[in-house]
């Protein structure tokens, strides 16, 4: 609901066409960013596996990028901000630390 209110406010401050363009452009840019980051993460996972290491850190990066990409494709300003922070490595660290510090079991497997 909050997303719609923000989009309506943007549309009223500018116009509907500009708002629709904004939503489309952020979706396209988000998909491209997610693709680029995802490709880099897959390369790092492959390197880790070929060197006999478990790619735990990179799997967590991949999960963040996947969720961030989905947020960027979804229309809305709040989801765009969350998506960008999940995709950029510098801000992705915040989410990774939250997951690791809270001992969140992201795969629902009991150890």
Protein backbone atom coordinates (compact mmCIF):
# COMPACT_ATOMS: atom_id res chain seq x y z
CA UNK A 1 0.00 0.00 0.00
CA UNK A 2 2.83 2.35 0.90
CA UNK A 3 4.42 1.66 -2.50
CA UNK A 4 1.26 2.81 -4.28
CA UNK A 5 1.02 5.96 -2.18
CA UNK A 6 4.62 6.86 -3.03
CA UNK A 7 4.07 6.16 -6.74
CA UNK A 8 0.92 8.33 -6.72
CA UNK A 9 2.82 11.16 -5.02
CA UNK A 10 5.60 10.93 -7.60
CA UNK A 11 3.02 10.92 -10.40
CA UNK A 12 1.26 13.95 -8.93
CA UNK A 13 4.55 15.82 -8.49
CA UNK A 14 5.67 15.03 -12.05
CA UNK A 15 3.33 13.16 -14.38
CA UNK A 16 2.15 9.60 -14.98
CA UNK A 17 4.32 8.99 -18.03
CA UNK A 18 7.48 9.92 -16.15
CA UNK A 19 6.44 7.69 -13.24
CA UNK A 20 5.85 4.73 -15.55
CA UNK A 21 9.21 5.34 -17.22
CA UNK A 22 10.86 5.43 -13.79
CA UNK A 23 9.33 2.07 -12.87
CA UNK A 24 10.36 0.50 -16.19
CA UNK A 25 13.90 1.89 -16.11
CA UNK A 26 14.55 0.72 -12.55
CA UNK A 27 13.29 -2.74 -13.52
CA UNK A 28 15.60 -2.92 -16.53
CA UNK A 29 18.61 -1.56 -14.65
CA UNK A 30 17.86 -3.88 -11.73
CA UNK A 31 17.72 -6.93 -13.96
CA UNK A 32 21.03 -5.98 -15.58
CA UNK A 33 22.73 -5.32 -12.22
CA UNK A 34 21.46 -8.62 -10.82
CA UNK A 35 22.68 -10.44 -13.93
CA UNK A 36 26.16 -8.89 -13.69
CA UNK A 37 26.54 -9.50 -9.96
CA UNK A 38 25.10 -13.00 -10.28
CA UNK A 39 27.62 -13.86 -12.98
CA UNK A 40 30.51 -12.67 -10.82
CA UNK A 41 29.21 -14.68 -7.87
CA UNK A 42 28.85 -17.83 -10.00
CA UNK A 43 32.48 -17.46 -11.12
CA UNK A 44 33.61 -17.17 -7.48
CA UNK A 45 31.53 -20.23 -6.53
CA UNK A 46 33.13 -22.19 -9.36
CA UNK A 47 36.62 -21.13 -8.22
CA UNK A 48 35.89 -22.06 -4.60
CA UNK A 49 34.56 -25.48 -5.62
CA UNK A 50 37.50 -26.16 -7.96
CA UNK A 51 39.88 -25.36 -5.08
CA UNK A 52 38.01 -27.70 -2.75
CA UNK A 53 36.44 -24.98 -0.58
CA UNK A 54 32.79 -24.69 0.35
CA UNK A 55 31.38 -21.48 -1.20
CA UNK A 56 29.27 -20.50 1.84
CA UNK A 57 30.02 -16.79 1.60
CA UNK A 58 29.28 -16.70 -2.11
CA UNK A 59 26.06 -18.65 -1.70
CA UNK A 60 24.91 -16.00 0.77
CA UNK A 61 25.92 -13.31 -1.74
CA UNK A 62 23.95 -15.13 -4.42
CA UNK A 63 20.86 -15.28 -2.23
CA UNK A 64 21.07 -11.54 -1.53
CA UNK A 65 21.48 -10.73 -5.23
CA UNK A 66 18.57 -12.99 -6.17
CA UNK A 67 16.27 -11.31 -3.65
CA UNK A 68 17.58 -7.87 -4.64
CA UNK A 69 16.94 -8.56 -8.30
CA UNK A 70 13.38 -9.63 -7.57
CA UNK A 71 12.83 -6.43 -5.56
CA UNK A 72 14.17 -4.30 -8.42
CA UNK A 73 11.93 -5.94 -10.98
CA UNK A 74 8.87 -5.35 -8.79
CA UNK A 75 7.44 -1.86 -9.29
CA UNK A 76 7.88 0.53 -6.39
CA UNK A 77 10.30 2.91 -4.77
CA UNK A 78 10.80 1.08 -1.47
CA UNK A 79 11.46 -2.24 -3.19
CA UNK A 80 13.91 -0.49 -5.54
CA UNK A 81 15.90 0.92 -2.62
CA UNK A 82 15.95 -2.45 -0.85
CA UNK A 83 16.88 -4.20 -4.09
CA UNK A 84 19.79 -1.87 -4.80
CA UNK A 85 21.16 -2.27 -1.30
CA UNK A 86 21.00 -6.05 -1.67
CA UNK A 87 22.78 -6.02 -5.03
CA UNK A 88 25.66 -3.60 -4.34
CA UNK A 89 28.48 -5.43 -2.53
CA UNK A 90 29.22 -2.53 -0.17
CA UNK A 91 25.68 -2.46 1.24
CA UNK A 92 25.02 -6.19 0.85
CA UNK A 93 27.38 -6.72 3.78
CA UNK A 94 24.74 -5.24 6.09
CA UNK A 95 22.21 -7.92 5.18
CA UNK A 96 24.78 -10.71 5.30
CA UNK A 97 25.85 -9.63 8.79
CA UNK A 98 22.22 -9.53 9.92
CA UNK A 99 21.66 -13.08 8.67
CA UNK A 100 24.91 -14.38 10.17
CA UNK A 101 24.57 -12.59 13.54
CA UNK A 102 20.99 -13.68 14.11
CA UNK A 103 21.88 -17.24 13.25
CA UNK A 104 19.09 -17.32 10.68
CA UNK A 105 18.82 -20.69 9.04
CA UNK A 106 18.01 -19.59 5.49
CA UNK A 107 17.67 -23.12 4.16
CA UNK A 108 15.36 -24.37 6.93
CA UNK A 109 17.68 -27.27 7.70
CA UNK A 110 18.22 -28.10 11.35
CA UNK A 111 21.79 -28.78 12.30
